[in-house]
Amino acid sequence: MKPRRHGNGHAVRDRRIPRVRFRAFGASSLDFELLCWVDNPELRGRVLDALNTAVYKRFIAEGIEIPYAKQDLYIKEMPQPGE
């Protein structure tokens, strides 16, 4: 089977069709997993980086924002000087 080149030239195999799985509801997210095969397992990190970068850039192009957890801090009383 012929490999597909992504991003920086690292290959994802065509032998098995890449799949996306919805795995869980996160605290502020919907958690998905992309499953694919790479030519050389030693390149896994580089392929993962290229795929994540491509997904992130596509999200930006489509106007999709990634939610980040935030916390608000409320001050009930300000301490008095000298306390």
N, C-alpha and C. Protein backbone atom coordinates (compact mmCIF):
# COMPACT_ATOMS: atom_id res chain seq x y z
N MET A 1 0.83 -1.19 0.00
CA MET A 1 0.00 0.00 0.00
C MET A 1 0.88 1.25 0.00
N LYS A 2 0.35 2.29 -0.58
CA LYS A 2 1.08 3.54 -0.70
C LYS A 2 0.86 4.43 0.52
N PRO A 3 1.91 5.04 1.09
CA PRO A 3 1.71 5.94 2.23
C PRO A 3 1.26 7.32 1.78
N ARG A 4 0.50 8.00 2.62
CA ARG A 4 0.13 9.39 2.38
C ARG A 4 1.09 10.26 3.18
N ARG A 5 1.60 11.30 2.57
CA ARG A 5 2.51 12.22 3.25
C ARG A 5 1.70 13.34 3.88
N HIS A 6 2.00 13.67 5.13
CA HIS A 6 1.29 14.72 5.84
C HIS A 6 2.27 15.74 6.37
N GLY A 7 1.90 17.00 6.24
CA GLY A 7 2.66 18.08 6.85
C GLY A 7 4.12 18.09 6.48
N ASN A 8 4.95 17.59 7.38
CA ASN A 8 6.39 17.67 7.19
C ASN A 8 6.97 16.44 6.48
N GLY A 9 6.15 15.70 5.73
CA GLY A 9 6.65 14.60 4.92
C GLY A 9 6.57 13.23 5.57
N HIS A 10 6.08 13.14 6.81
CA HIS A 10 5.97 11.84 7.46
C HIS A 10 4.72 11.14 6.97
N ALA A 11 4.75 9.83 6.93
CA ALA A 11 3.70 9.08 6.25
C ALA A 11 2.74 8.37 7.18
N VAL A 12 1.47 8.42 6.78
CA VAL A 12 0.41 7.62 7.39
C VAL A 12 0.02 6.59 6.33
N ARG A 13 -0.06 5.33 6.73
CA ARG A 13 -0.32 4.24 5.77
C ARG A 13 -1.76 4.26 5.26
N ASP A 14 -1.92 3.93 3.98
CA ASP A 14 -3.24 3.79 3.37
C ASP A 14 -3.82 2.40 3.61
N ARG A 15 -2.99 1.48 4.08
CA ARG A 15 -3.42 0.09 4.27
C ARG A 15 -4.67 0.02 5.13
N ARG A 16 -4.71 0.83 6.15
CA ARG A 16 -5.89 0.90 7.01
C ARG A 16 -6.41 2.32 7.00
N ILE A 17 -7.69 2.46 6.80
CA ILE A 17 -8.30 3.78 6.72
C ILE A 17 -8.24 4.44 8.10
N PRO A 18 -7.76 5.70 8.17
CA PRO A 18 -7.77 6.41 9.47
C PRO A 18 -9.20 6.51 9.99
N ARG A 19 -9.35 6.42 11.30
CA ARG A 19 -10.67 6.48 11.92
C ARG A 19 -10.66 7.51 13.04
N VAL A 20 -11.81 8.08 13.30
CA VAL A 20 -11.99 9.01 14.41
C VAL A 20 -13.01 8.40 15.35
N ARG A 21 -12.69 8.40 16.63
CA ARG A 21 -13.59 7.84 17.64
C ARG A 21 -13.91 8.91 18.69
N PHE A 22 -15.19 9.03 19.03
CA PHE A 22 -15.60 9.91 20.13
C PHE A 22 -15.44 9.11 21.41
N ARG A 23 -14.52 9.54 22.26
CA ARG A 23 -14.17 8.74 23.44
C ARG A 23 -14.87 9.15 24.73
N ALA A 24 -15.06 10.47 24.95
CA ALA A 24 -15.60 10.86 26.25
C ALA A 24 -16.06 12.32 26.25
N PHE A 25 -16.85 12.64 27.26
CA PHE A 25 -17.17 14.03 27.55
C PHE A 25 -16.15 14.50 28.58
N GLY A 26 -15.33 15.49 28.23
CA GLY A 26 -14.35 16.02 29.16
C GLY A 26 -14.98 17.12 30.01
N ALA A 27 -14.21 17.69 30.93
CA ALA A 27 -14.70 18.75 31.80
C ALA A 27 -15.16 19.96 30.98
N SER A 28 -14.44 20.29 29.93
CA SER A 28 -14.80 21.41 29.05
C SER A 28 -14.61 21.02 27.58
N SER A 29 -14.84 19.76 27.26
CA SER A 29 -14.53 19.32 25.90
C SER A 29 -15.30 18.06 25.52
N LEU A 30 -15.25 17.78 24.22
CA LEU A 30 -15.65 16.49 23.69
C LEU A 30 -14.34 15.84 23.28
N ASP A 31 -14.03 14.66 23.78
CA ASP A 31 -12.73 14.03 23.55
C ASP A 31 -12.81 13.01 22.41
N PHE A 32 -12.04 13.27 21.35
CA PHE A 32 -11.97 12.39 20.19
C PHE A 32 -10.57 11.80 20.09
N GLU A 33 -10.47 10.69 19.39
CA GLU A 33 -9.18 10.05 19.15
C GLU A 33 -9.08 9.72 17.66
N LEU A 34 -7.94 10.09 17.04
CA LEU A 34 -7.67 9.77 15.65
C LEU A 34 -6.79 8.53 15.63
N LEU A 35 -7.23 7.50 14.92
CA LEU A 35 -6.49 6.25 14.83
C LEU A 35 -5.96 6.08 13.41
N CYS A 36 -4.64 5.88 13.28
CA CYS A 36 -4.04 5.66 11.97
C CYS A 36 -2.75 4.86 12.14
N TRP A 37 -2.21 4.38 11.05
CA TRP A 37 -0.97 3.60 11.04
C TRP A 37 0.13 4.45 10.40
N VAL A 38 1.35 4.34 10.93
CA VAL A 38 2.49 5.07 10.36
C VAL A 38 3.47 4.08 9.74
N ASP A 39 4.27 4.59 8.78
CA ASP A 39 5.27 3.76 8.11
C ASP A 39 6.25 3.13 9.10
N ASN A 40 6.76 3.97 9.97
CA ASN A 40 7.83 3.57 10.87
C ASN A 40 7.47 3.99 12.29
N PRO A 41 7.28 3.05 13.20
CA PRO A 41 6.91 3.41 14.58
C PRO A 41 7.87 4.39 15.26
N GLU A 42 9.11 4.42 14.81
CA GLU A 42 10.06 5.37 15.39
C GLU A 42 9.68 6.82 15.08
N LEU A 43 8.87 7.01 14.05
CA LEU A 43 8.44 8.36 13.64
C LEU A 43 7.11 8.77 14.26
N ARG A 44 6.60 7.95 15.17
CA ARG A 44 5.28 8.21 15.75
C ARG A 44 5.15 9.62 16.29
N GLY A 45 6.13 10.10 17.03
CA GLY A 45 6.06 11.44 17.62
C GLY A 45 5.99 12.52 16.57
N ARG A 46 6.78 12.39 15.52
CA ARG A 46 6.78 13.40 14.45
C ARG A 46 5.46 13.38 13.68
N VAL A 47 4.93 12.19 13.42
CA VAL A 47 3.65 12.08 12.72
C VAL A 47 2.54 12.67 13.59
N LEU A 48 2.55 12.37 14.88
CA LEU A 48 1.55 12.91 15.80
C LEU A 48 1.60 14.44 15.81
N ASP A 49 2.81 15.00 15.85
CA ASP A 49 2.96 16.45 15.82
C ASP A 49 2.38 17.03 14.53
N ALA A 50 2.68 16.42 13.39
CA ALA A 50 2.19 16.91 12.10
C ALA A 50 0.66 16.84 12.02
N LEU A 51 0.08 15.75 12.50
CA LEU A 51 -1.37 15.59 12.48
C LEU A 51 -2.05 16.58 13.42
N ASN A 52 -1.52 16.72 14.65
CA ASN A 52 -2.11 17.67 15.61
C ASN A 52 -2.03 19.10 15.09
N THR A 53 -0.91 19.45 14.47
CA THR A 53 -0.74 20.79 13.91
C THR A 53 -1.75 21.04 12.79
N ALA A 54 -1.93 20.04 11.93
CA ALA A 54 -2.89 20.17 10.83
C ALA A 54 -4.32 20.34 11.36
N VAL A 55 -4.68 19.57 12.38
CA VAL A 55 -6.02 19.69 12.98
C VAL A 55 -6.19 21.06 13.61
N TYR A 56 -5.19 21.53 14.36
CA TYR A 56 -5.26 22.83 15.01
C TYR A 56 -5.42 23.96 13.99
N LYS A 57 -4.64 23.92 12.90
CA LYS A 57 -4.74 24.95 11.86
C LYS A 57 -6.11 24.92 11.19
N ARG A 58 -6.66 23.72 11.01
CA ARG A 58 -8.00 23.62 10.41
C ARG A 58 -9.05 24.18 11.35
N PHE A 59 -8.91 23.92 12.64
CA PHE A 59 -9.84 24.50 13.62
C PHE A 59 -9.82 26.02 13.51
N ILE A 60 -8.63 26.61 13.45
CA ILE A 60 -8.52 28.07 13.34
C ILE A 60 -9.20 28.55 12.06
N ALA A 61 -8.95 27.87 10.94
CA ALA A 61 -9.54 28.26 9.66
C ALA A 61 -11.07 28.18 9.69
N GLU A 62 -11.61 27.23 10.45
CA GLU A 62 -13.05 27.04 10.53
C GLU A 62 -13.69 27.84 11.66
N GLY A 63 -12.88 28.58 12.43
CA GLY A 63 -13.42 29.37 13.53
C GLY A 63 -13.81 28.56 14.75
N ILE A 64 -13.21 27.39 14.91
CA ILE A 64 -13.52 26.52 16.06
C ILE A 64 -12.56 26.86 17.20
N GLU A 65 -13.11 27.22 18.34
CA GLU A 65 -12.30 27.55 19.50
C GLU A 65 -12.17 26.34 20.42
N ILE A 66 -11.00 26.18 21.01
CA ILE A 66 -10.77 25.10 21.97
C ILE A 66 -11.05 25.67 23.37
N PRO A 67 -11.98 25.05 24.11
CA PRO A 67 -12.30 25.58 25.43
C PRO A 67 -11.20 25.25 26.44
N TYR A 68 -10.85 26.22 27.21
CA TYR A 68 -9.89 26.01 28.28
C TYR A 68 -10.59 26.29 29.60
N ALA A 69 -10.26 25.50 30.59
CA ALA A 69 -10.85 25.69 31.91
C ALA A 69 -10.44 27.05 32.46
N LYS A 70 -11.37 27.74 33.08
CA LYS A 70 -11.03 29.01 33.71
C LYS A 70 -11.67 29.05 35.08
N GLN A 71 -11.09 29.84 35.92
CA GLN A 71 -11.63 30.00 37.26
C GLN A 71 -11.73 31.48 37.56
N ASP A 72 -12.83 31.88 38.20
CA ASP A 72 -13.00 33.27 38.62
C ASP A 72 -12.71 33.35 40.11
N LEU A 73 -12.03 34.40 40.50
CA LEU A 73 -11.68 34.61 41.91
C LEU A 73 -12.48 35.81 42.40
N TYR A 74 -13.24 35.61 43.46
CA TYR A 74 -14.05 36.67 44.05
C TYR A 74 -13.45 37.03 45.41
N ILE A 75 -13.17 38.30 45.61
CA ILE A 75 -12.63 38.76 46.89
C ILE A 75 -13.78 39.34 47.69
N LYS A 76 -14.08 38.74 48.84
CA LYS A 76 -15.19 39.18 49.66
C LYS A 76 -14.85 40.47 50.40
N GLU A 77 -13.63 40.54 50.91
CA GLU A 77 -13.19 41.73 51.64
C GLU A 77 -11.73 41.99 51.32
N MET A 78 -11.41 43.25 51.21
CA MET A 78 -10.01 43.61 51.04
C MET A 78 -9.40 43.72 52.44
N PRO A 79 -8.20 43.20 52.63
CA PRO A 79 -7.56 43.34 53.96
C PRO A 79 -7.28 44.81 54.26
N GLN A 80 -7.44 45.16 55.51
CA GLN A 80 -7.17 46.54 55.95
C GLN A 80 -5.67 46.76 56.07
N PRO A 81 -5.18 47.94 55.76
CA PRO A 81 -3.75 48.21 55.90
C PRO A 81 -3.29 47.93 57.34
N GLY A 82 -2.15 47.29 57.46
CA GLY A 82 -1.59 46.99 58.78
C GLY A 82 -2.06 45.67 59.35
N GLU A 83 -2.91 44.95 58.72
CA GLU A 83 -3.37 43.66 59.24
C GLU A 83 -2.44 42.55 58.86
